[in-house]
C-alpha atoms as a PDB file:
ATOM      1  CA  UNK A   1       0.000   0.000   0.000  1.00  0.00           C
ATOM      2  CA  UNK A   2       1.343   3.453  -0.850  1.00  0.00           C
ATOM      3  CA  UNK A   3       2.159   6.175   1.636  1.00  0.00           C
ATOM      4  CA  UNK A   4       0.377   9.476   1.910  1.00  0.00           C
ATOM      5  CA  UNK A   5       1.640  12.458   3.877  1.00  0.00           C
ATOM      6  CA  UNK A   6       0.204  12.316   7.385  1.00  0.00           C
ATOM      7  CA  UNK A   7      -1.718   9.102   6.690  1.00  0.00           C
ATOM      8  CA  UNK A   8      -1.130   5.454   7.553  1.00  0.00           C
ATOM      9  CA  UNK A   9      -2.866   2.394   6.087  1.00  0.00           C
ATOM     10  CA  UNK A  10      -4.235   0.114   8.842  1.00  0.00           C
ATOM     11  CA  UNK A  11      -7.047  -2.438   8.947  1.00  0.00           C
ATOM     12  CA  UNK A  12      -8.070  -1.697   5.370  1.00  0.00           C
ATOM     13  CA  UNK A  13      -8.509   2.058   5.837  1.00  0.00           C
ATOM     14  CA  UNK A  14      -6.460   5.238   5.909  1.00  0.00           C
ATOM     15  CA  UNK A  15      -5.859   6.756   9.358  1.00  0.00           C
ATOM     16  CA  UNK A  16      -4.377  10.121  10.273  1.00  0.00           C
ATOM     17  CA  UNK A  17      -0.942   9.637  11.848  1.00  0.00           C
ATOM     18  CA  UNK A  18      -0.888  10.760  15.443  1.00  0.00           C
ATOM     19  CA  UNK A  19      -4.685  10.731  15.537  1.00  0.00           C
ATOM     20  CA  UNK A  20      -6.005  10.772  19.098  1.00  0.00           C
ATOM     21  CA  UNK A  21      -9.732  10.509  19.727  1.00  0.00           C
ATOM     22  CA  UNK A  22     -11.792  13.653  20.249  1.00  0.00           C
ATOM     23  CA  UNK A  23     -14.332  12.287  22.732  1.00  0.00           C
ATOM     24  CA  UNK A  24     -16.817  15.143  22.343  1.00  0.00           C
ATOM     25  CA  UNK A  25     -16.933  14.809  18.554  1.00  0.00           C
ATOM     26  CA  UNK A  26     -16.947  11.014  18.632  1.00  0.00           C
ATOM     27  CA  UNK A  27     -19.738  10.941  21.228  1.00  0.00           C
ATOM     28  CA  UNK A  28     -21.885  13.237  19.090  1.00  0.00           C
ATOM     29  CA  UNK A  29     -21.284  11.094  16.008  1.00  0.00           C
ATOM     30  CA  UNK A  30     -22.128   7.870  17.843  1.00  0.00           C
ATOM     31  CA  UNK A  31     -25.291   9.342  19.355  1.00  0.00           C
ATOM     32  CA  UNK A  32     -26.411  10.563  15.939  1.00  0.00           C
ATOM     33  CA  UNK A  33     -25.747   7.175  14.325  1.00  0.00           C
ATOM     34  CA  UNK A  34     -27.478   5.183  17.083  1.00  0.00           C
ATOM     35  CA  UNK A  35     -30.497   7.418  17.703  1.00  0.00           C
ATOM     36  CA  UNK A  36     -33.614   5.303  18.119  1.00  0.00           C
ATOM     37  CA  UNK A  37     -31.788   1.956  17.886  1.00  0.00           C
ATOM     38  CA  UNK A  38     -32.622  -0.552  20.622  1.00  0.00           C
ATOM     39  CA  UNK A  39     -30.792  -3.679  19.432  1.00  0.00           C
ATOM     40  CA  UNK A  40     -27.708  -4.165  21.617  1.00  0.00           C
ATOM     41  CA  UNK A  41     -25.643  -5.926  18.927  1.00  0.00           C
ATOM     42  CA  UNK A  42     -26.378  -3.225  16.326  1.00  0.00           C
ATOM     43  CA  UNK A  43     -25.361  -0.589  18.881  1.00  0.00           C
ATOM     44  CA  UNK A  44     -22.163  -2.464  19.730  1.00  0.00           C
ATOM     45  CA  UNK A  45     -21.206  -2.790  16.060  1.00  0.00           C
ATOM     46  CA  UNK A  46     -21.693   0.930  15.446  1.00  0.00           C
ATOM     47  CA  UNK A  47     -19.861   2.026  18.591  1.00  0.00           C
ATOM     48  CA  UNK A  48     -16.910  -0.265  17.851  1.00  0.00           C
ATOM     49  CA  UNK A  49     -16.580   0.933  14.271  1.00  0.00           C
ATOM     50  CA  UNK A  50     -16.600   4.598  15.255  1.00  0.00           C
ATOM     51  CA  UNK A  51     -14.163   4.135  18.150  1.00  0.00           C
ATOM     52  CA  UNK A  52     -11.716   1.909  16.284  1.00  0.00           C
ATOM     53  CA  UNK A  53     -11.255   4.367  13.450  1.00  0.00           C
ATOM     54  CA  UNK A  54     -11.084   7.436  15.720  1.00  0.00           C
ATOM     55  CA  UNK A  55      -7.707   6.749  17.350  1.00  0.00           C
ATOM     56  CA  UNK A  56      -4.544   5.174  15.991  1.00  0.00           C
ATOM     57  CA  UNK A  57      -3.736   3.745  19.445  1.00  0.00           C
ATOM     58  CA  UNK A  58      -6.724   1.403  19.148  1.00  0.00           C
ATOM     59  CA  UNK A  59      -5.311  -1.824  17.689  1.00  0.00           C
ATOM     60  CA  UNK A  60      -8.270  -4.049  18.627  1.00  0.00           C
ATOM     61  CA  UNK A  61     -11.651  -2.665  19.670  1.00  0.00           C
ATOM     62  CA  UNK A  62     -14.572  -4.856  20.602  1.00  0.00           C
ATOM     63  CA  UNK A  63     -17.249  -6.028  22.934  1.00  0.00           C
ATOM     64  CA  UNK A  64     -17.436  -9.232  24.910  1.00  0.00           C
ATOM     65  CA  UNK A  65     -21.100  -9.943  25.664  1.00  0.00           C
ATOM     66  CA  UNK A  66     -22.392 -11.525  28.858  1.00  0.00           C
ATOM     67  CA  UNK A  67     -23.969 -14.742  27.550  1.00  0.00           C
ATOM     68  CA  UNK A  68     -24.387 -16.787  30.714  1.00  0.00           C
ATOM     69  CA  UNK A  69     -23.400 -16.911  34.340  1.00  0.00           C
ATOM     70  CA  UNK A  70     -19.813 -15.680  34.684  1.00  0.00           C
ATOM     71  CA  UNK A  71     -19.237 -15.997  30.906  1.00  0.00           C
ATOM     72  CA  UNK A  72     -18.273 -13.531  28.158  1.00  0.00           C
ATOM     73  CA  UNK A  73     -18.386 -14.274  24.418  1.00  0.00           C
ATOM     74  CA  UNK A  74     -16.955 -12.159  21.650  1.00  0.00           C
ATOM     75  CA  UNK A  75     -19.330  -9.647  20.119  1.00  0.00           C
ATOM     76  CA  UNK A  76     -18.833  -7.052  17.399  1.00  0.00           C
ATOM     77  CA  UNK A  77     -15.192  -6.020  17.005  1.00  0.00           C
ATOM     78  CA  UNK A  78     -12.646  -4.394  14.702  1.00  0.00           C
ATOM     79  CA  UNK A  79      -9.085  -5.681  14.333  1.00  0.00           C
ATOM     80  CA  UNK A  80      -7.638  -9.191  14.243  1.00  0.00           C
ATOM     81  CA  UNK A  81      -9.405 -12.217  15.660  1.00  0.00           C
ATOM     82  CA  UNK A  82     -10.444 -11.987  19.297  1.00  0.00           C
ATOM     83  CA  UNK A  83     -10.766 -14.725  21.874  1.00  0.00           C
ATOM     84  CA  UNK A  84     -14.122 -16.436  21.519  1.00  0.00           C
ATOM     85  CA  UNK A  85     -14.935 -17.085  25.184  1.00  0.00           C
ATOM     86  CA  UNK A  86     -13.624 -15.450  28.357  1.00  0.00           C
ATOM     87  CA  UNK A  87     -14.765 -16.542  31.816  1.00  0.00           C
ATOM     88  CA  UNK A  88     -15.208 -13.805  34.441  1.00  0.00           C
ATOM     89  CA  UNK A  89     -12.378 -15.512  36.361  1.00  0.00           C
ATOM     90  CA  UNK A  90      -9.696 -14.792  33.726  1.00  0.00           C
ATOM     91  CA  UNK A  91      -7.959 -11.875  32.107  1.00  0.00           C
ATOM     92  CA  UNK A  92      -8.539  -8.144  32.031  1.00  0.00           C
ATOM     93  CA  UNK A  93     -12.023  -8.534  30.541  1.00  0.00           C
ATOM     94  CA  UNK A  94     -12.961 -10.992  33.259  1.00  0.00           C
ATOM     95  CA  UNK A  95     -11.653  -8.596  35.920  1.00  0.00           C
ATOM     96  CA  UNK A  96     -13.808  -5.755  34.553  1.00  0.00           C
ATOM     97  CA  UNK A  97     -16.875  -8.010  34.420  1.00  0.00           C
ATOM     98  CA  UNK A  98     -16.224  -9.446  37.877  1.00  0.00           C
ATOM     99  CA  UNK A  99     -15.507  -6.124  39.611  1.00  0.00           C
ATOM    100  CA  UNK A 100     -17.756  -3.846  37.567  1.00  0.00           C
ATOM    101  CA  UNK A 101     -14.842  -1.394  37.379  1.00  0.00           C
ATOM    102  CA  UNK A 102     -12.765   0.041  34.554  1.00  0.00           C
ATOM    103  CA  UNK A 103      -9.470  -1.774  34.091  1.00  0.00           C
ATOM    104  CA  UNK A 104      -6.495   0.158  32.696  1.00  0.00           C
ATOM    105  CA  UNK A 105      -3.455  -2.033  32.164  1.00  0.00           C
ATOM    106  CA  UNK A 106      -0.236  -0.288  31.129  1.00  0.00           C
ATOM    107  CA  UNK A 107       1.649  -3.567  30.571  1.00  0.00           C
ATOM    108  CA  UNK A 108      -0.422  -6.661  29.841  1.00  0.00           C
ATOM    109  CA  UNK A 109       2.563  -8.937  30.517  1.00  0.00           C
ATOM    110  CA  UNK A 110       2.510  -7.751  34.142  1.00  0.00           C
ATOM    111  CA  UNK A 111      -1.232  -8.443  34.597  1.00  0.00           C
ATOM    112  CA  UNK A 112      -1.798 -11.746  36.440  1.00  0.00           C
ATOM    113  CA  UNK A 113      -3.870 -14.095  34.308  1.00  0.00           C
ATOM    114  CA  UNK A 114      -3.748 -11.947  31.173  1.00  0.00           C
ATOM    115  CA  UNK A 115      -5.178 -13.794  28.172  1.00  0.00           C
ATOM    116  CA  UNK A 116      -3.012 -13.189  25.114  1.00  0.00           C
ATOM    117  CA  UNK A 117      -5.563 -13.121  22.299  1.00  0.00           C
ATOM    118  CA  UNK A 118      -3.043 -11.174  20.166  1.00  0.00           C
ATOM    119  CA  UNK A 119       0.718 -11.228  20.581  1.00  0.00           C
ATOM    120  CA  UNK A 120       0.941  -7.559  19.562  1.00  0.00           C
ATOM    121  CA  UNK A 121      -1.091  -6.274  22.539  1.00  0.00           C
ATOM    122  CA  UNK A 122       0.983  -4.208  24.993  1.00  0.00           C
ATOM    123  CA  UNK A 123      -1.699  -2.319  26.955  1.00  0.00           C
ATOM    124  CA  UNK A 124      -5.438  -2.487  27.390  1.00  0.00           C
ATOM    125  CA  UNK A 125      -8.499  -0.684  28.730  1.00  0.00           C
ATOM    126  CA  UNK A 126     -11.705  -2.569  29.546  1.00  0.00           C
ATOM    127  CA  UNK A 127     -14.962  -0.990  30.693  1.00  0.00           C
ATOM    128  CA  UNK A 128     -18.144  -2.624  31.977  1.00  0.00           C
ATOM    129  CA  UNK A 129     -21.301  -1.941  29.951  1.00  0.00           C
ATOM    130  CA  UNK A 130     -24.581  -1.554  31.852  1.00  0.00           C
ATOM    131  CA  UNK A 131     -28.174  -1.358  30.612  1.00  0.00           C
ATOM    132  CA  UNK A 132     -30.916   0.864  32.057  1.00  0.00           C
ATOM    133  CA  UNK A 133     -31.727  -1.728  34.734  1.00  0.00           C
ATOM    134  CA  UNK A 134     -28.148  -1.793  35.990  1.00  0.00           C
ATOM    135  CA  UNK A 135     -27.432  -5.223  34.494  1.00  0.00           C
ATOM    136  CA  UNK A 136     -23.961  -5.937  33.131  1.00  0.00           C
ATOM    137  CA  UNK A 137     -24.528  -6.749  29.451  1.00  0.00           C
ATOM    138  CA  UNK A 138     -20.955  -6.639  28.116  1.00  0.00           C
ATOM    139  CA  UNK A 139     -17.482  -5.227  28.468  1.00  0.00           C
ATOM    140  CA  UNK A 140     -15.780  -2.933  25.962  1.00  0.00           C
ATOM    141  CA  UNK A 141     -12.191  -4.042  25.368  1.00  0.00           C
ATOM    142  CA  UNK A 142      -9.656  -1.829  23.599  1.00  0.00           C
ATOM    143  CA  UNK A 143      -6.128  -3.124  23.047  1.00  0.00           C
ATOM    144  CA  UNK A 144      -3.101  -1.166  21.929  1.00  0.00           C
ATOM    145  CA  UNK A 145       0.210  -2.269  20.484  1.00  0.00           C
ATOM    146  CA  UNK A 146       1.790   0.530  22.551  1.00  0.00           C
ATOM    147  CA  UNK A 147       2.641   0.288  26.241  1.00  0.00           C
ATOM    148  CA  UNK A 148       0.709   2.556  28.632  1.00  0.00           C
ATOM    149  CA  UNK A 149      -1.542   3.801  25.825  1.00  0.00           C
ATOM    150  CA  UNK A 150      -4.600   4.586  27.964  1.00  0.00           C
ATOM    151  CA  UNK A 151      -5.333   6.972  30.792  1.00  0.00           C
ATOM    152  CA  UNK A 152      -8.043   8.553  32.903  1.00  0.00           C
ATOM    153  CA  UNK A 153      -9.312  10.741  30.020  1.00  0.00           C
ATOM    154  CA  UNK A 154      -9.934   7.596  27.985  1.00  0.00           C
ATOM    155  CA  UNK A 155     -11.782   5.931  30.868  1.00  0.00           C
ATOM    156  CA  UNK A 156     -13.999   8.990  31.378  1.00  0.00           C
ATOM    157  CA  UNK A 157     -14.704   9.556  27.661  1.00  0.00           C
ATOM    158  CA  UNK A 158     -15.430   5.907  26.907  1.00  0.00           C
ATOM    159  CA  UNK A 159     -17.583   5.441  30.023  1.00  0.00           C
ATOM    160  CA  UNK A 160     -19.715   8.407  29.002  1.00  0.00           C
ATOM    161  CA  UNK A 161     -20.263   6.986  25.517  1.00  0.00           C
ATOM    162  CA  UNK A 162     -21.261   3.626  26.988  1.00  0.00           C
ATOM    163  CA  UNK A 163     -23.607   5.255  29.523  1.00  0.00           C
ATOM    164  CA  UNK A 164     -25.351   7.334  26.854  1.00  0.00           C
ATOM    165  CA  UNK A 165     -25.709   4.518  24.326  1.00  0.00           C
ATOM    166  CA  UNK A 166     -26.378   1.428  26.458  1.00  0.00           C
ATOM    167  CA  UNK A 167     -27.855   3.060  29.557  1.00  0.00           C
ATOM    168  CA  UNK A 168     -31.049   3.648  27.606  1.00  0.00           C
ATOM    169  CA  UNK A 169     -31.560  -0.065  26.840  1.00  0.00           C
ATOM    170  CA  UNK A 170     -34.300  -1.814  28.785  1.00  0.00           C
ATOM    171  CA  UNK A 171     -33.279  -4.815  30.834  1.00  0.00           C
END
C-alpha cells in the first residue's frame, strides 16, 4: 500500500498519523448514528466501528457480551481475531466483568492471568457496559500495540459513551 503524507494504512482504511480521539466529537457522532436503535448488537457494532477508526492507538476494539453466568463471548469487534470465550475468572475482561470497574493495564505482561488473544497487545483498557436496569450486558475491550496507551481521560470519555448509548436499553 502506498504512503500518503500524514496518513497510515491500517485495517483496510487510511488513518491520520498521530490521531487521538476527540471524545466530544466522537460521542456526538455515535449518538447521531445510534439514535432510536434498541438492538444491543447493532449498537455495539456501530460504537466499535466509530471508536476503532477514531484513534490510531486502538489496535483491537470490541465487545465481549455476557452470555451466561460468569461468561463472556466475543461480540462485534474491529481488528484481528479476538478470543471467543472469556470466563469472568480470567484476564482483564474478566476482571472488569467481575468487579464492575474500569481496568487500565499499562503492561499486559505484568497483569496476572492476562489472556493473550493477540501477541501484539501491549496495553489495554476494559470498561463494563450496563443497561438501564443496571445489568452488566458486556465489556468494551480496547487493546493497543503501545505500552501505557490509555489513561483517565480515555476511561472517562469511553464510560460516558457507553452510559449514553447502552444506559437507555431496557433490561
